[in-house]
PDB file of N, CA and C in Angstrom:
ATOM      1  N   MET A   1     124.890  79.716  88.556  1.00  0.00           N
ATOM      2  CA  MET A   1     124.525  79.100  89.818  1.00  0.00           C
ATOM      3  C   MET A   1     123.009  79.154  90.025  1.00  0.00           C
ATOM      4  N   SER A   2     122.468  78.106  90.589  1.00  0.00           N
ATOM      5  CA  SER A   2     121.048  78.048  90.891  1.00  0.00           C
ATOM      6  C   SER A   2     120.789  78.670  92.259  1.00  0.00           C
ATOM      7  N   ASP A   3     119.714  79.422  92.360  1.00  0.00           N
ATOM      8  CA  ASP A   3     119.317  79.998  93.640  1.00  0.00           C
ATOM      9  C   ASP A   3     118.519  78.978  94.439  1.00  0.00           C
ATOM     10  N   ARG A   4     118.554  79.107  95.751  1.00  0.00           N
ATOM     11  CA  ARG A   4     117.777  78.218  96.608  1.00  0.00           C
ATOM     12  C   ARG A   4     116.361  78.740  96.841  1.00  0.00           C
ATOM     13  N   ILE A   5     116.143  80.052  96.624  1.00  0.00           N
ATOM     14  CA  ILE A   5     114.825  80.631  96.862  1.00  0.00           C
ATOM     15  C   ILE A   5     114.544  81.726  95.846  1.00  0.00           C
ATOM     16  N   THR A   6     113.278  81.789  95.422  1.00  0.00           N
ATOM     17  CA  THR A   6     112.781  82.877  94.581  1.00  0.00           C
ATOM     18  C   THR A   6     111.414  83.270  95.129  1.00  0.00           C
ATOM     19  N   ALA A   7     110.827  84.305  94.541  1.00  0.00           N
ATOM     20  CA  ALA A   7     109.520  84.769  95.016  1.00  0.00           C
ATOM     21  C   ALA A   7     108.635  85.140  93.840  1.00  0.00           C
ATOM     22  N   THR A   8     107.339  85.021  94.070  1.00  0.00           N
ATOM     23  CA  THR A   8     106.365  85.440  93.073  1.00  0.00           C
ATOM     24  C   THR A   8     106.211  86.958  93.141  1.00  0.00           C
ATOM     25  N   SER A   9     105.585  87.527  92.130  1.00  0.00           N
ATOM     26  CA  SER A   9     105.365  88.976  92.135  1.00  0.00           C
ATOM     27  C   SER A   9     104.464  89.382  93.299  1.00  0.00           C
ATOM     28  N   ALA A  10     103.508  88.537  93.670  1.00  0.00           N
ATOM     29  CA  ALA A  10     102.632  88.851  94.813  1.00  0.00           C
ATOM     30  C   ALA A  10     103.437  88.929  96.108  1.00  0.00           C
ATOM     31  N   ALA A  11     104.372  88.016  96.293  1.00  0.00           N
ATOM     32  CA  ALA A  11     105.213  88.036  97.495  1.00  0.00           C
ATOM     33  C   ALA A  11     106.116  89.263  97.498  1.00  0.00           C
ATOM     34  N   LEU A  12     106.693  89.579  96.348  1.00  0.00           N
ATOM     35  CA  LEU A  12     107.574  90.749  96.260  1.00  0.00           C
ATOM     36  C   LEU A  12     106.816  92.032  96.592  1.00  0.00           C
ATOM     37  N   GLU A  13     105.599  92.146  96.093  1.00  0.00           N
ATOM     38  CA  GLU A  13     104.786  93.338  96.368  1.00  0.00           C
ATOM     39  C   GLU A  13     104.464  93.448  97.855  1.00  0.00           C
ATOM     40  N   LEU A  14     104.114  92.340  98.483  1.00  0.00           N
ATOM     41  CA  LEU A  14     103.791  92.368  99.913  1.00  0.00           C
ATOM     42  C   LEU A  14     105.039  92.684 100.746  1.00  0.00           C
ATOM     43  N   ILE A  15     106.181  92.148 100.364  1.00  0.00           N
ATOM     44  CA  ILE A  15     107.419  92.466 101.083  1.00  0.00           C
ATOM     45  C   ILE A  15     107.698  93.966 101.007  1.00  0.00           C
ATOM     46  N   GLN A  16     107.511  94.557  99.835  1.00  0.00           N
ATOM     47  CA  GLN A  16     107.741  95.994  99.676  1.00  0.00           C
ATOM     48  C   GLN A  16     106.802  96.804 100.568  1.00  0.00           C
ATOM     49  N   LYS A  17     105.530  96.405 100.652  1.00  0.00           N
ATOM     50  CA  LYS A  17     104.571  97.107 101.517  1.00  0.00           C
ATOM     51  C   LYS A  17     104.961  96.989 102.986  1.00  0.00           C
ATOM     52  N   LEU A  18     105.331  95.780 103.392  1.00  0.00           N
ATOM     53  CA  LEU A  18     105.702  95.575 104.799  1.00  0.00           C
ATOM     54  C   LEU A  18     106.994  96.300 105.149  1.00  0.00           C
ATOM     55  N   THR A  19     107.934  96.328 104.237  1.00  0.00           N
ATOM     56  CA  THR A  19     109.189  97.041 104.461  1.00  0.00           C
ATOM     57  C   THR A  19     108.942  98.543 104.591  1.00  0.00           C
ATOM     58  N   ALA A  20     108.040  99.079 103.771  1.00  0.00           N
ATOM     59  CA  ALA A  20     107.701 100.500 103.868  1.00  0.00           C
ATOM     60  C   ALA A  20     107.065 100.812 105.220  1.00  0.00           C
ATOM     61  N   GLN A  21     106.288  99.868 105.738  1.00  0.00           N
ATOM     62  CA  GLN A  21     105.595 100.085 107.011  1.00  0.00           C
ATOM     63  C   GLN A  21     106.474  99.815 108.229  1.00  0.00           C
ATOM     64  N   TYR A  22     107.300  98.759 108.171  1.00  0.00           N
ATOM     65  CA  TYR A  22     108.036  98.313 109.361  1.00  0.00           C
ATOM     66  C   TYR A  22     109.553  98.484 109.282  1.00  0.00           C
ATOM     67  N   GLY A  23     110.071  98.848 108.135  1.00  0.00           N
ATOM     68  CA  GLY A  23     111.515  98.871 107.943  1.00  0.00           C
ATOM     69  C   GLY A  23     111.985  97.513 107.458  1.00  0.00           C
ATOM     70  N   PRO A  24     113.290  97.248 107.482  1.00  0.00           N
ATOM     71  CA  PRO A  24     113.821  95.982 106.977  1.00  0.00           C
ATOM     72  C   PRO A  24     113.172  94.773 107.664  1.00  0.00           C
ATOM     73  N   VAL A  25     112.868  93.751 106.867  1.00  0.00           N
ATOM     74  CA  VAL A  25     112.243  92.533 107.380  1.00  0.00           C
ATOM     75  C   VAL A  25     113.083  91.322 107.004  1.00  0.00           C
ATOM     76  N   ILE A  26     112.829  90.217 107.688  1.00  0.00           N
ATOM     77  CA  ILE A  26     113.459  88.930 107.391  1.00  0.00           C
ATOM     78  C   ILE A  26     112.363  87.874 107.404  1.00  0.00           C
ATOM     79  N   PHE A  27     112.709  86.685 106.942  1.00  0.00           N
ATOM     80  CA  PHE A  27     111.808  85.530 107.006  1.00  0.00           C
ATOM     81  C   PHE A  27     112.497  84.405 107.742  1.00  0.00           C
ATOM     82  N   MET A  28     111.697  83.637 108.490  1.00  0.00           N
ATOM     83  CA  MET A  28     112.185  82.439 109.163  1.00  0.00           C
ATOM     84  C   MET A  28     111.165  81.338 108.954  1.00  0.00           C
ATOM     85  N   GLN A  29     111.624  80.213 108.455  1.00  0.00           N
ATOM     86  CA  GLN A  29     110.764  79.040 108.321  1.00  0.00           C
ATOM     87  C   GLN A  29     111.357  77.947 109.181  1.00  0.00           C
ATOM     88  N   SER A  30     110.595  77.574 110.231  1.00  0.00           N
ATOM     89  CA  SER A  30     111.180  76.688 111.232  1.00  0.00           C
ATOM     90  C   SER A  30     110.805  75.233 111.075  1.00  0.00           C
ATOM     91  N   GLY A  31     109.649  74.944 110.565  1.00  0.00           N
ATOM     92  CA  GLY A  31     109.260  73.545 110.431  1.00  0.00           C
ATOM     93  C   GLY A  31     108.525  72.998 111.632  1.00  0.00           C
ATOM     94  N   GLY A  32     108.040  73.845 112.503  1.00  0.00           N
ATOM     95  CA  GLY A  32     107.276  73.330 113.625  1.00  0.00           C
ATOM     96  C   GLY A  32     106.986  74.383 114.653  1.00  0.00           C
ATOM     97  N   CYS A  33     106.387  73.961 115.732  1.00  0.00           N
ATOM     98  CA  CYS A  33     106.033  74.811 116.858  1.00  0.00           C
ATOM     99  C   CYS A  33     104.912  75.781 116.507  1.00  0.00           C
ATOM    100  N   CYS A  34     104.880  76.869 117.150  1.00  0.00           N
ATOM    101  CA  CYS A  34     103.773  77.823 117.182  1.00  0.00           C
ATOM    102  C   CYS A  34     103.019  78.035 115.875  1.00  0.00           C
ATOM    103  N   GLU A  35     103.678  78.456 114.844  1.00  0.00           N
ATOM    104  CA  GLU A  35     103.008  78.779 113.584  1.00  0.00           C
ATOM    105  C   GLU A  35     103.174  77.684 112.534  1.00  0.00           C
ATOM    106  N   GLY A  36     103.496  76.469 112.952  1.00  0.00           N
ATOM    107  CA  GLY A  36     103.666  75.387 111.996  1.00  0.00           C
ATOM    108  C   GLY A  36     104.924  75.583 111.171  1.00  0.00           C
ATOM    109  N   SER A  37     104.847  75.208 109.910  1.00  0.00           N
ATOM    110  CA  SER A  37     106.032  75.307 109.074  1.00  0.00           C
ATOM    111  C   SER A  37     105.948  76.448 108.070  1.00  0.00           C
ATOM    112  N   GLY A  38     105.004  77.358 108.251  1.00  0.00           N
ATOM    113  CA  GLY A  38     104.888  78.505 107.363  1.00  0.00           C
ATOM    114  C   GLY A  38     105.989  79.513 107.618  1.00  0.00           C
ATOM    115  N   PRO A  39     106.336  80.294 106.603  1.00  0.00           N
ATOM    116  CA  PRO A  39     107.370  81.313 106.806  1.00  0.00           C
ATOM    117  C   PRO A  39     106.846  82.464 107.649  1.00  0.00           C
ATOM    118  N   LEU A  40     107.620  82.892 108.605  1.00  0.00           N
ATOM    119  CA  LEU A  40     107.267  84.036 109.435  1.00  0.00           C
ATOM    120  C   LEU A  40     108.050  85.248 108.955  1.00  0.00           C
ATOM    121  N   CYS A  41     107.355  86.355 108.751  1.00  0.00           N
ATOM    122  CA  CYS A  41     107.982  87.613 108.377  1.00  0.00           C
ATOM    123  C   CYS A  41     108.037  88.482 109.622  1.00  0.00           C
ATOM    124  N   MET A  42     109.204  89.022 109.916  1.00  0.00           N
ATOM    125  CA  MET A  42     109.336  89.844 111.120  1.00  0.00           C
ATOM    126  C   MET A  42     110.361  90.952 110.893  1.00  0.00           C
ATOM    127  N   PRO A  43     110.313  91.995 111.725  1.00  0.00           N
ATOM    128  CA  PRO A  43     111.313  93.051 111.592  1.00  0.00           C
ATOM    129  C   PRO A  43     112.715  92.465 111.764  1.00  0.00           C
ATOM    130  N   ALA A  44     113.629  92.898 110.924  1.00  0.00           N
ATOM    131  CA  ALA A  44     114.988  92.345 110.954  1.00  0.00           C
ATOM    132  C   ALA A  44     115.655  92.534 112.310  1.00  0.00           C
ATOM    133  N   ASN A  45     115.366  93.639 112.989  1.00  0.00           N
ATOM    134  CA  ASN A  45     116.027  93.905 114.272  1.00  0.00           C
ATOM    135  C   ASN A  45     115.416  93.121 115.436  1.00  0.00           C
ATOM    136  N   GLU A  46     114.372  92.337 115.168  1.00  0.00           N
ATOM    137  CA  GLU A  46     113.738  91.544 116.223  1.00  0.00           C
ATOM    138  C   GLU A  46     114.025  90.055 116.101  1.00  0.00           C
ATOM    139  N   PHE A  47     114.941  89.687 115.237  1.00  0.00           N
ATOM    140  CA  PHE A  47     115.239  88.276 115.027  1.00  0.00           C
ATOM    141  C   PHE A  47     116.721  88.018 115.254  1.00  0.00           C
ATOM    142  N   LYS A  48     116.995  87.030 116.062  1.00  0.00           N
ATOM    143  CA  LYS A  48     118.375  86.602 116.313  1.00  0.00           C
ATOM    144  C   LYS A  48     118.504  85.165 115.816  1.00  0.00           C
ATOM    145  N   PRO A  49     119.151  84.972 114.650  1.00  0.00           N
ATOM    146  CA  PRO A  49     119.290  83.610 114.135  1.00  0.00           C
ATOM    147  C   PRO A  49     120.163  82.754 115.040  1.00  0.00           C
ATOM    148  N   SER A  50     119.891  81.454 115.019  1.00  0.00           N
ATOM    149  CA  SER A  50     120.770  80.540 115.750  1.00  0.00           C
ATOM    150  C   SER A  50     121.945  80.184 114.843  1.00  0.00           C
ATOM    151  N   PRO A  51     123.038  79.719 115.412  1.00  0.00           N
ATOM    152  CA  PRO A  51     124.215  79.392 114.594  1.00  0.00           C
ATOM    153  C   PRO A  51     123.939  78.339 113.517  1.00  0.00           C
ATOM    154  N   SER A  52     122.944  77.480 113.723  1.00  0.00           N
ATOM    155  CA  SER A  52     122.680  76.426 112.743  1.00  0.00           C
ATOM    156  C   SER A  52     121.617  76.809 111.714  1.00  0.00           C
ATOM    157  N   ASP A  53     120.987  77.979 111.851  1.00  0.00           N
ATOM    158  CA  ASP A  53     119.992  78.386 110.857  1.00  0.00           C
ATOM    159  C   ASP A  53     120.656  78.552 109.497  1.00  0.00           C
ATOM    160  N   VAL A  54     119.956  78.107 108.471  1.00  0.00           N
ATOM    161  CA  VAL A  54     120.467  78.157 107.107  1.00  0.00           C
ATOM    162  C   VAL A  54     119.925  79.406 106.417  1.00  0.00           C
ATOM    163  N   ILE A  55     120.786  80.109 105.715  1.00  0.00           N
ATOM    164  CA  ILE A  55     120.368  81.266 104.927  1.00  0.00           C
ATOM    165  C   ILE A  55     120.105  80.759 103.510  1.00  0.00           C
ATOM    166  N   LEU A  56     118.823  80.749 103.119  1.00  0.00           N
ATOM    167  CA  LEU A  56     118.492  80.292 101.768  1.00  0.00           C
ATOM    168  C   LEU A  56     118.843  81.328 100.721  1.00  0.00           C
ATOM    169  N   GLY A  57     118.714  82.582 101.084  1.00  0.00           N
ATOM    170  CA  GLY A  57     119.000  83.661 100.140  1.00  0.00           C
ATOM    171  C   GLY A  57     118.312  84.926 100.573  1.00  0.00           C
ATOM    172  N   GLU A  58     118.189  85.845  99.640  1.00  0.00           N
ATOM    173  CA  GLU A  58     117.588  87.148  99.917  1.00  0.00           C
ATOM    174  C   GLU A  58     116.511  87.422  98.874  1.00  0.00           C
ATOM    175  N   ILE A  59     115.379  87.892  99.351  1.00  0.00           N
ATOM    176  CA  ILE A  59     114.246  88.231  98.492  1.00  0.00           C
ATOM    177  C   ILE A  59     113.878  89.685  98.759  1.00  0.00           C
ATOM    178  N   ALA A  60     113.995  90.531  97.752  1.00  0.00           N
ATOM    179  CA  ALA A  60     113.637  91.953  97.871  1.00  0.00           C
ATOM    180  C   ALA A  60     114.284  92.597  99.097  1.00  0.00           C
ATOM    181  N   GLY A  61     115.522  92.238  99.376  1.00  0.00           N
ATOM    182  CA  GLY A  61     116.245  92.796 100.509  1.00  0.00           C
ATOM    183  C   GLY A  61     116.002  92.092 101.823  1.00  0.00           C
ATOM    184  N   ALA A  62     115.126  91.094 101.836  1.00  0.00           N
ATOM    185  CA  ALA A  62     114.804  90.360 103.068  1.00  0.00           C
ATOM    186  C   ALA A  62     115.528  89.015 103.067  1.00  0.00           C
ATOM    187  N   VAL A  63     116.361  88.790 104.062  1.00  0.00           N
ATOM    188  CA  VAL A  63     117.054  87.510 104.182  1.00  0.00           C
ATOM    189  C   VAL A  63     116.033  86.444 104.577  1.00  0.00           C
ATOM    190  N   PHE A  64     116.130  85.278 103.952  1.00  0.00           N
ATOM    191  CA  PHE A  64     115.230  84.165 104.248  1.00  0.00           C
ATOM    192  C   PHE A  64     116.045  83.081 104.944  1.00  0.00           C
ATOM    193  N   TYR A  65     115.707  82.825 106.224  1.00  0.00           N
ATOM    194  CA  TYR A  65     116.360  81.809 107.035  1.00  0.00           C
ATOM    195  C   TYR A  65     115.460  80.581 107.118  1.00  0.00           C
ATOM    196  N   MET A  66     116.081  79.424 107.264  1.00  0.00           N
ATOM    197  CA  MET A  66     115.339  78.192 107.490  1.00  0.00           C
ATOM    198  C   MET A  66     116.062  77.427 108.593  1.00  0.00           C
ATOM    199  N   SER A  67     115.296  76.833 109.489  1.00  0.00           N
ATOM    200  CA  SER A  67     115.928  76.048 110.547  1.00  0.00           C
ATOM    201  C   SER A  67     116.657  74.866 109.927  1.00  0.00           C
ATOM    202  N   ASP A  68     117.704  74.438 110.595  1.00  0.00           N
ATOM    203  CA  ASP A  68     118.491  73.311 110.106  1.00  0.00           C
ATOM    204  C   ASP A  68     117.633  72.061 109.937  1.00  0.00           C
ATOM    205  N   SER A  69     116.719  71.825 110.882  1.00  0.00           N
ATOM    206  CA  SER A  69     115.879  70.623 110.801  1.00  0.00           C
ATOM    207  C   SER A  69     114.941  70.694 109.592  1.00  0.00           C
ATOM    208  N   GLN A  70     114.378  71.857 109.308  1.00  0.00           N
ATOM    209  CA  GLN A  70     113.516  72.008 108.128  1.00  0.00           C
ATOM    210  C   GLN A  70     114.348  71.883 106.853  1.00  0.00           C
ATOM    211  N   PHE A  71     115.533  72.460 106.856  1.00  0.00           N
ATOM    212  CA  PHE A  71     116.393  72.411 105.678  1.00  0.00           C
ATOM    213  C   PHE A  71     116.792  70.974 105.343  1.00  0.00           C
ATOM    214  N   SER A  72     116.980  70.150 106.355  1.00  0.00           N
ATOM    215  CA  SER A  72     117.377  68.760 106.095  1.00  0.00           C
ATOM    216  C   SER A  72     116.331  68.022 105.273  1.00  0.00           C
ATOM    217  N   PHE A  73     115.066  68.449 105.358  1.00  0.00           N
ATOM    218  CA  PHE A  73     113.996  67.845 104.557  1.00  0.00           C
ATOM    219  C   PHE A  73     113.870  68.468 103.174  1.00  0.00           C
ATOM    220  N   SER A  74     114.357  69.684 103.013  1.00  0.00           N
ATOM    221  CA  SER A  74     114.089  70.403 101.769  1.00  0.00           C
ATOM    222  C   SER A  74     115.332  70.853 101.013  1.00  0.00           C
ATOM    223  N   GLU A  75     116.479  70.347 101.387  1.00  0.00           N
ATOM    224  CA  GLU A  75     117.708  70.841 100.766  1.00  0.00           C
ATOM    225  C   GLU A  75     117.816  70.533  99.286  1.00  0.00           C
ATOM    226  N   ASN A  76     117.080  69.562  98.781  1.00  0.00           N
ATOM    227  CA  ASN A  76     117.122  69.241  97.355  1.00  0.00           C
ATOM    228  C   ASN A  76     115.932  69.815  96.589  1.00  0.00           C
ATOM    229  N   THR A  77     115.256  70.775  97.203  1.00  0.00           N
ATOM    230  CA  THR A  77     114.141  71.422  96.519  1.00  0.00           C
ATOM    231  C   THR A  77     114.360  72.931  96.462  1.00  0.00           C
ATOM    232  N   HIS A  78     113.844  73.505  95.397  1.00  0.00           N
ATOM    233  CA  HIS A  78     113.871  74.952  95.230  1.00  0.00           C
ATOM    234  C   HIS A  78     112.657  75.522  95.964  1.00  0.00           C
ATOM    235  N   THR A  79     112.858  76.519  96.802  1.00  0.00           N
ATOM    236  CA  THR A  79     111.782  77.130  97.584  1.00  0.00           C
ATOM    237  C   THR A  79     111.277  78.374  96.866  1.00  0.00           C
ATOM    238  N   ILE A  80     109.949  78.483  96.775  1.00  0.00           N
ATOM    239  CA  ILE A  80     109.297  79.625  96.129  1.00  0.00           C
ATOM    240  C   ILE A  80     108.401  80.296  97.157  1.00  0.00           C
ATOM    241  N   LEU A  81     108.685  81.549  97.477  1.00  0.00           N
ATOM    242  CA  LEU A  81     107.873  82.311  98.415  1.00  0.00           C
ATOM    243  C   LEU A  81     106.711  82.941  97.647  1.00  0.00           C
ATOM    244  N   ASP A  82     105.499  82.781  98.159  1.00  0.00           N
ATOM    245  CA  ASP A  82     104.311  83.337  97.518  1.00  0.00           C
ATOM    246  C   ASP A  82     103.475  84.029  98.579  1.00  0.00           C
ATOM    247  N   ALA A  83     102.571  84.901  98.129  1.00  0.00           N
ATOM    248  CA  ALA A  83     101.593  85.541  99.014  1.00  0.00           C
ATOM    249  C   ALA A  83     100.223  85.259  98.409  1.00  0.00           C
ATOM    250  N   VAL A  84      99.357  84.650  99.200  1.00  0.00           N
ATOM    251  CA  VAL A  84      98.032  84.249  98.728  1.00  0.00           C
ATOM    252  C   VAL A  84      96.960  84.820  99.650  1.00  0.00           C
ATOM    253  N   ALA A  85      95.741  84.888  99.138  1.00  0.00           N
ATOM    254  CA  ALA A  85      94.627  85.351  99.967  1.00  0.00           C
ATOM    255  C   ALA A  85      94.483  84.431 101.169  1.00  0.00           C
ATOM    256  N   GLY A  86      94.336  85.030 102.341  1.00  0.00           N
ATOM    257  CA  GLY A  86      94.188  84.241 103.554  1.00  0.00           C
ATOM    258  C   GLY A  86      94.681  85.016 104.757  1.00  0.00           C
ATOM    259  N   SER A  87      94.759  84.322 105.858  1.00  0.00           N
ATOM    260  CA  SER A  87      95.201  84.934 107.102  1.00  0.00           C
ATOM    261  C   SER A  87      96.614  84.477 107.408  1.00  0.00           C
ATOM    262  N   GLY A  88      97.526  85.423 107.510  1.00  0.00           N
ATOM    263  CA  GLY A  88      98.902  85.091 107.859  1.00  0.00           C
ATOM    264  C   GLY A  88      99.001  84.646 109.304  1.00  0.00           C
ATOM    265  N   GLY A  89     100.119  84.038 109.638  1.00  0.00           N
ATOM    266  CA  GLY A  89     100.341  83.598 111.008  1.00  0.00           C
ATOM    267  C   GLY A  89     100.284  84.764 111.975  1.00  0.00           C
ATOM    268  N   SER A  90      99.774  84.516 113.164  1.00  0.00           N
ATOM    269  CA  SER A  90      99.579  85.599 114.123  1.00  0.00           C
ATOM    270  C   SER A  90     100.883  86.255 114.558  1.00  0.00           C
ATOM    271  N   PHE A  91     102.007  85.588 114.382  1.00  0.00           N
ATOM    272  CA  PHE A  91     103.295  86.175 114.729  1.00  0.00           C
ATOM    273  C   PHE A  91     103.991  86.811 113.531  1.00  0.00           C
ATOM    274  N   SER A  92     103.356  86.747 112.361  1.00  0.00           N
ATOM    275  CA  SER A  92     103.975  87.222 111.131  1.00  0.00           C
ATOM    276  C   SER A  92     103.406  88.583 110.746  1.00  0.00           C
ATOM    277  N   LEU A  93     104.250  89.457 110.207  1.00  0.00           N
ATOM    278  CA  LEU A  93     103.849  90.842 109.922  1.00  0.00           C
ATOM    279  C   LEU A  93     102.693  90.974 108.948  1.00  0.00           C
ATOM    280  N   GLU A  94     102.485  89.993 108.078  1.00  0.00           N
ATOM    281  CA  GLU A  94     101.385  90.121 107.122  1.00  0.00           C
ATOM    282  C   GLU A  94     100.020  89.826 107.730  1.00  0.00           C
ATOM    283  N   CYS A  95      99.993  89.383 108.977  1.00  0.00           N
ATOM    284  CA  CYS A  95      98.723  89.122 109.656  1.00  0.00           C
ATOM    285  C   CYS A  95      97.856  90.380 109.614  1.00  0.00           C
ATOM    286  N   GLY A  96      96.642  90.238 109.147  1.00  0.00           N
ATOM    287  CA  GLY A  96      95.714  91.370 109.068  1.00  0.00           C
ATOM    288  C   GLY A  96      95.703  92.060 107.715  1.00  0.00           C
ATOM    289  N   THR A  97      96.572  91.646 106.802  1.00  0.00           N
ATOM    290  CA  THR A  97      96.594  92.275 105.477  1.00  0.00           C
ATOM    291  C   THR A  97      95.639  91.607 104.503  1.00  0.00           C
ATOM    292  N   GLY A  98      95.103  90.444 104.880  1.00  0.00           N
ATOM    293  CA  GLY A  98      94.273  89.671 103.961  1.00  0.00           C
ATOM    294  C   GLY A  98      95.094  88.727 103.094  1.00  0.00           C
ATOM    295  N   LEU A  99      96.409  88.733 103.315  1.00  0.00           N
ATOM    296  CA  LEU A  99      97.311  87.855 102.571  1.00  0.00           C
ATOM    297  C   LEU A  99      98.146  87.038 103.541  1.00  0.00           C
ATOM    298  N   ALA A 100      98.627  85.914 103.059  1.00  0.00           N
ATOM    299  CA  ALA A 100      99.489  85.049 103.870  1.00  0.00           C
ATOM    300  C   ALA A 100     100.682  84.613 103.030  1.00  0.00           C
ATOM    301  N   PHE A 101     101.862  84.676 103.624  1.00  0.00           N
ATOM    302  CA  PHE A 101     103.036  84.128 102.953  1.00  0.00           C
ATOM    303  C   PHE A 101     102.993  82.610 103.060  1.00  0.00           C
ATOM    304  N   ILE A 102     103.288  81.941 101.975  1.00  0.00           N
ATOM    305  CA  ILE A 102     103.426  80.489 101.970  1.00  0.00           C
ATOM    306  C   ILE A 102     104.675  80.153 101.160  1.00  0.00           C
ATOM    307  N   THR A 103     105.179  78.953 101.357  1.00  0.00           N
ATOM    308  CA  THR A 103     106.254  78.491 100.492  1.00  0.00           C
ATOM    309  C   THR A 103     105.779  77.276  99.724  1.00  0.00           C
ATOM    310  N   LYS A 104     106.247  77.224  98.500  1.00  0.00           N
ATOM    311  CA  LYS A 104     106.023  76.072  97.633  1.00  0.00           C
ATOM    312  C   LYS A 104     107.408  75.555  97.290  1.00  0.00           C
ATOM    313  N   SER A 105     107.486  74.348  96.810  1.00  0.00           N
ATOM    314  CA  SER A 105     108.798  73.837  96.426  1.00  0.00           C
ATOM    315  C   SER A 105     108.675  72.919  95.222  1.00  0.00           C
ATOM    316  N   ARG A 106     109.790  72.767  94.563  1.00  0.00           N
ATOM    317  CA  ARG A 106     109.892  71.825  93.450  1.00  0.00           C
ATOM    318  C   ARG A 106     111.275  71.215  93.506  1.00  0.00           C
ATOM    319  N   LEU A 107     111.400  70.002  93.025  1.00  0.00           N
ATOM    320  CA  LEU A 107     112.705  69.352  92.983  1.00  0.00           C
ATOM    321  C   LEU A 107     113.592  70.050  91.972  1.00  0.00           C
ATOM    322  N   TYR A 108     114.859  70.124  92.290  1.00  0.00           N
ATOM    323  CA  TYR A 108     115.830  70.646  91.333  1.00  0.00           C
ATOM    324  C   TYR A 108     116.046  69.632  90.218  1.00  0.00           C
ATOM    325  N   SER A 109     116.340  70.131  89.034  1.00  0.00           N
ATOM    326  CA  SER A 109     116.766  69.235  87.956  1.00  0.00           C
ATOM    327  C   SER A 109     118.194  68.794  88.261  1.00  0.00           C
ATOM    328  N   ASP A 110     118.651  67.760  87.581  1.00  0.00           N
ATOM    329  CA  ASP A 110     120.026  67.295  87.780  1.00  0.00           C
ATOM    330  C   ASP A 110     121.018  68.409  87.467  1.00  0.00           C
ATOM    331  N   ASN A 111     120.751  69.175  86.425  1.00  0.00           N
ATOM    332  CA  ASN A 111     121.635  70.277  86.052  1.00  0.00           C
ATOM    333  C   ASN A 111     121.657  71.361  87.135  1.00  0.00           C
ATOM    334  N   GLU A 112     120.479  71.687  87.677  1.00  0.00           N
ATOM    335  CA  GLU A 112     120.411  72.682  88.750  1.00  0.00           C
ATOM    336  C   GLU A 112     121.177  72.207  89.985  1.00  0.00           C
ATOM    337  N   LEU A 113     121.050  70.934  90.320  1.00  0.00           N
ATOM    338  CA  LEU A 113     121.767  70.406  91.482  1.00  0.00           C
ATOM    339  C   LEU A 113     123.275  70.570  91.326  1.00  0.00           C
ATOM    340  N   LYS A 114     123.768  70.393  90.106  1.00  0.00           N
ATOM    341  CA  LYS A 114     125.200  70.555  89.850  1.00  0.00           C
ATOM    342  C   LYS A 114     125.635  72.005  90.042  1.00  0.00           C
ATOM    343  N   GLN A 115     124.725  72.944  89.789  1.00  0.00           N
ATOM    344  CA  GLN A 115     125.049  74.373  89.857  1.00  0.00           C
ATOM    345  C   GLN A 115     124.602  75.032  91.158  1.00  0.00           C
ATOM    346  N   LEU A 116     124.041  74.265  92.065  1.00  0.00           N
ATOM    347  CA  LEU A 116     123.452  74.801  93.286  1.00  0.00           C
ATOM    348  C   LEU A 116     124.508  75.424  94.190  1.00  0.00           C
ATOM    349  N   LYS A 117     124.188  76.609  94.666  1.00  0.00           N
ATOM    350  CA  LYS A 117     125.072  77.266  95.628  1.00  0.00           C
ATOM    351  C   LYS A 117     125.066  76.468  96.930  1.00  0.00           C
ATOM    352  N   PRO A 118     126.202  76.360  97.586  1.00  0.00           N
ATOM    353  CA  PRO A 118     126.220  75.638  98.864  1.00  0.00           C
ATOM    354  C   PRO A 118     125.377  76.367  99.909  1.00  0.00           C
ATOM    355  N   ALA A 119     124.796  75.592 100.809  1.00  0.00           N
ATOM    356  CA  ALA A 119     124.030  76.191 101.897  1.00  0.00           C
ATOM    357  C   ALA A 119     124.970  76.946 102.823  1.00  0.00           C
ATOM    358  N   VAL A 120     124.492  78.066 103.324  1.00  0.00           N
ATOM    359  CA  VAL A 120     125.269  78.880 104.254  1.00  0.00           C
ATOM    360  C   VAL A 120     124.549  78.860 105.599  1.00  0.00           C
ATOM    361  N   ARG A 121     125.255  78.442 106.613  1.00  0.00           N
ATOM    362  CA  ARG A 121     124.684  78.467 107.953  1.00  0.00           C
ATOM    363  C   ARG A 121     125.094  79.769 108.611  1.00  0.00           C
ATOM    364  N   TYR A 122     124.161  80.360 109.330  1.00  0.00           N
ATOM    365  CA  TYR A 122     124.365  81.701 109.901  1.00  0.00           C
ATOM    366  C   TYR A 122     125.623  81.788 110.745  1.00  0.00           C
ATOM    367  N   GLY A 123     125.847  80.834 111.586  1.00  0.00           N
ATOM    368  CA  GLY A 123     126.939  80.930 112.538  1.00  0.00           C
ATOM    369  C   GLY A 123     128.272  80.392 112.062  1.00  0.00           C
ATOM    370  N   TYR A 124     128.375  80.013 110.804  1.00  0.00           N
ATOM    371  CA  TYR A 124     129.617  79.375 110.340  1.00  0.00           C
ATOM    372  C   TYR A 124     130.270  80.160 109.245  1.00  0.00           C
TER     373      TYR A 124
END
């Protein structure tokens, strides 16, 4: 089966640092509003997913959620979580670390699409 999300080693390292500092974390990529469409990292106990939020998968123990509206644009692409030099979103835990979480994507191959795990919505 093909995964919907993976992460670079830089992202994995930053997740481990943030988890050590804040406890379990999650990601939410909404596709608009306050912080744009960048992924937000937040303490797991401070996030309440909506019933339509899509669970892309888990990265280093952190569940990655995407809003249904954002997912409708990216459901045929593989999402790659990365951490790059820069300033993270002001609502995201990496703010002030000198790094920012970003997502990149690539189209699935025909073979990957055939093996793709179905999307899971939080409330269903």
